[in-house]
Amino acid sequence: MCRLVITEILKQPTVNGRVQCIEKWSTVADICRYLRNFNGVLQIMAAFVNSSIYRLKQTWDRISKQNKQVINKLQILVHSDGKFKNLRDLLTK
């Protein structure tokens, strides 16, 4: 799934197309979180920090503030600090 997200973003010929694609995938990741599909969230967030996607500075500058907040929230959720403590805490709720 990670490669699918990366490929879909990089296939877009324009910056605006990449912005829309990243925003779409961030929405999909948030829906996955709501459905408790944490593997899906982890895969999409892994795609966002892949070097090919992370280096798209102009694209990331155009992402809306709301979507950046969603992405940051999900990145914190799946961060590997403390053996995925945030994710484990959410699973036990």
C-alpha atoms as a PDB file:
ATOM      1  CA  MET A   1       0.000   0.000   0.000  1.00  0.00           C
ATOM      2  CA  CYS A   2       2.910   2.312   0.748  1.00  0.00           C
ATOM      3  CA  ARG A   3       4.193   1.991  -2.812  1.00  0.00           C
ATOM      4  CA  LEU A   4       0.695   2.583  -4.182  1.00  0.00           C
ATOM      5  CA  VAL A   5       0.451   5.904  -2.341  1.00  0.00           C
ATOM      6  CA  ILE A   6       3.941   6.959  -3.462  1.00  0.00           C
ATOM      7  CA  THR A   7       3.208   6.041  -7.072  1.00  0.00           C
ATOM      8  CA  GLU A   8      -0.144   7.822  -7.099  1.00  0.00           C
ATOM      9  CA  ILE A   9       1.427  11.033  -5.774  1.00  0.00           C
ATOM     10  CA  LEU A  10       4.408  10.965  -8.123  1.00  0.00           C
ATOM     11  CA  LYS A  11       2.258  10.202 -11.191  1.00  0.00           C
ATOM     12  CA  GLN A  12       0.622  13.608 -10.881  1.00  0.00           C
ATOM     13  CA  PRO A  13       2.163  15.957 -13.486  1.00  0.00           C
ATOM     14  CA  THR A  14       1.511  19.219 -11.613  1.00  0.00           C
ATOM     15  CA  VAL A  15       2.101  20.525  -8.117  1.00  0.00           C
ATOM     16  CA  ASN A  16      -1.628  21.108  -7.649  1.00  0.00           C
ATOM     17  CA  GLY A  17      -2.325  17.512  -8.663  1.00  0.00           C
ATOM     18  CA  ARG A  18       0.181  16.245  -6.092  1.00  0.00           C
ATOM     19  CA  VAL A  19      -1.360  18.493  -3.419  1.00  0.00           C
ATOM     20  CA  GLN A  20      -4.821  17.101  -4.133  1.00  0.00           C
ATOM     21  CA  CYS A  21      -3.477  13.544  -4.093  1.00  0.00           C
ATOM     22  CA  ILE A  22      -1.701  14.014  -0.751  1.00  0.00           C
ATOM     23  CA  GLU A  23      -4.815  15.602   0.745  1.00  0.00           C
ATOM     24  CA  LYS A  24      -6.931  12.704  -0.537  1.00  0.00           C
ATOM     25  CA  TRP A  25      -4.579  10.138   1.026  1.00  0.00           C
ATOM     26  CA  SER A  26      -4.467  12.038   4.314  1.00  0.00           C
ATOM     27  CA  THR A  27      -8.273  11.852   4.376  1.00  0.00           C
ATOM     28  CA  VAL A  28      -8.109   8.117   3.637  1.00  0.00           C
ATOM     29  CA  ALA A  29      -5.613   7.680   6.488  1.00  0.00           C
ATOM     30  CA  ASP A  30      -7.897   9.560   8.880  1.00  0.00           C
ATOM     31  CA  ILE A  31     -10.814   7.349   7.846  1.00  0.00           C
ATOM     32  CA  CYS A  32      -8.612   4.299   8.442  1.00  0.00           C
ATOM     33  CA  ARG A  33      -7.881   5.627  11.931  1.00  0.00           C
ATOM     34  CA  TYR A  34     -11.603   6.065  12.576  1.00  0.00           C
ATOM     35  CA  LEU A  35     -12.221   2.489  11.415  1.00  0.00           C
ATOM     36  CA  ARG A  36      -9.310   1.322  13.603  1.00  0.00           C
ATOM     37  CA  ASN A  37      -7.354   0.124  10.565  1.00  0.00           C
ATOM     38  CA  PHE A  38      -4.018   1.189  12.011  1.00  0.00           C
ATOM     39  CA  ASN A  39      -2.010  -0.789   9.469  1.00  0.00           C
ATOM     40  CA  GLY A  40      -3.520   1.385   6.736  1.00  0.00           C
ATOM     41  CA  VAL A  41      -2.661   4.535   8.680  1.00  0.00           C
ATOM     42  CA  LEU A  42       0.903   3.302   9.189  1.00  0.00           C
ATOM     43  CA  GLN A  43       1.353   2.502   5.490  1.00  0.00           C
ATOM     44  CA  ILE A  44       0.058   5.882   4.295  1.00  0.00           C
ATOM     45  CA  MET A  45       2.158   7.772   6.830  1.00  0.00           C
ATOM     46  CA  ALA A  46       5.209   5.732   5.779  1.00  0.00           C
ATOM     47  CA  ALA A  47       4.579   6.854   2.206  1.00  0.00           C
ATOM     48  CA  PHE A  48       4.474  10.499   3.289  1.00  0.00           C
ATOM     49  CA  VAL A  49       7.904  10.269   4.943  1.00  0.00           C
ATOM     50  CA  ASN A  50       9.434   8.370   2.027  1.00  0.00           C
ATOM     51  CA  SER A  51      12.298  10.446   0.632  1.00  0.00           C
ATOM     52  CA  SER A  52      10.657  10.758  -2.804  1.00  0.00           C
ATOM     53  CA  ILE A  53       7.571  12.363  -1.268  1.00  0.00           C
ATOM     54  CA  TYR A  54       9.175  14.165   1.658  1.00  0.00           C
ATOM     55  CA  ARG A  55      11.425  16.172  -0.702  1.00  0.00           C
ATOM     56  CA  LEU A  56       8.486  17.739  -2.576  1.00  0.00           C
ATOM     57  CA  LYS A  57       8.893  21.090  -0.831  1.00  0.00           C
ATOM     58  CA  GLN A  58       6.637  23.129  -3.129  1.00  0.00           C
ATOM     59  CA  THR A  59       3.919  20.522  -2.786  1.00  0.00           C
ATOM     60  CA  TRP A  60       4.095  20.389   1.019  1.00  0.00           C
ATOM     61  CA  ASP A  61       4.032  24.199   1.187  1.00  0.00           C
ATOM     62  CA  ARG A  62       0.638  24.189  -0.562  1.00  0.00           C
ATOM     63  CA  ILE A  63      -1.037  21.585   1.656  1.00  0.00           C
ATOM     64  CA  SER A  64      -3.870  23.191   3.625  1.00  0.00           C
ATOM     65  CA  LYS A  65      -3.345  23.895   7.322  1.00  0.00           C
ATOM     66  CA  GLN A  66      -6.190  21.549   8.268  1.00  0.00           C
ATOM     67  CA  ASN A  67      -4.666  18.650   6.325  1.00  0.00           C
ATOM     68  CA  LYS A  68      -1.231  19.345   7.800  1.00  0.00           C
ATOM     69  CA  GLN A  69      -2.765  19.080  11.267  1.00  0.00           C
ATOM     70  CA  VAL A  70      -4.405  15.754  10.386  1.00  0.00           C
ATOM     71  CA  ILE A  71      -1.120  14.423   8.976  1.00  0.00           C
ATOM     72  CA  ASN A  72       0.827  15.567  12.052  1.00  0.00           C
ATOM     73  CA  LYS A  73      -1.752  13.969  14.370  1.00  0.00           C
ATOM     74  CA  LEU A  74      -1.508  10.681  12.483  1.00  0.00           C
ATOM     75  CA  GLN A  75       2.296  10.827  12.381  1.00  0.00           C
ATOM     76  CA  ILE A  76       2.339  11.211  16.161  1.00  0.00           C
ATOM     77  CA  LEU A  77      -0.068   8.275  16.471  1.00  0.00           C
ATOM     78  CA  VAL A  78       2.114   5.871  14.476  1.00  0.00           C
ATOM     79  CA  HIS A  79       5.495   7.168  15.668  1.00  0.00           C
ATOM     80  CA  SER A  80       7.723   4.322  16.816  1.00  0.00           C
ATOM     81  CA  ASP A  81       8.914   5.968  20.058  1.00  0.00           C
ATOM     82  CA  GLY A  82       8.415   3.782  23.103  1.00  0.00           C
ATOM     83  CA  LYS A  83       7.631   0.719  20.988  1.00  0.00           C
ATOM     84  CA  PHE A  84       4.609   2.432  19.377  1.00  0.00           C
ATOM     85  CA  LYS A  85       3.290   3.589  22.755  1.00  0.00           C
ATOM     86  CA  ASN A  86       0.700   6.003  21.285  1.00  0.00           C
ATOM     87  CA  LEU A  87      -0.705   3.295  19.060  1.00  0.00           C
ATOM     88  CA  ARG A  88      -0.811   0.739  21.854  1.00  0.00           C
ATOM     89  CA  ASP A  89      -2.575   3.222  24.129  1.00  0.00           C
ATOM     90  CA  LEU A  90      -5.226   3.829  21.481  1.00  0.00           C
ATOM     91  CA  LEU A  91      -5.723   0.093  20.964  1.00  0.00           C
ATOM     92  CA  THR A  92      -6.457  -0.466  24.646  1.00  0.00           C
ATOM     93  CA  LYS A  93      -9.205   2.182  24.755  1.00  0.00           C
END
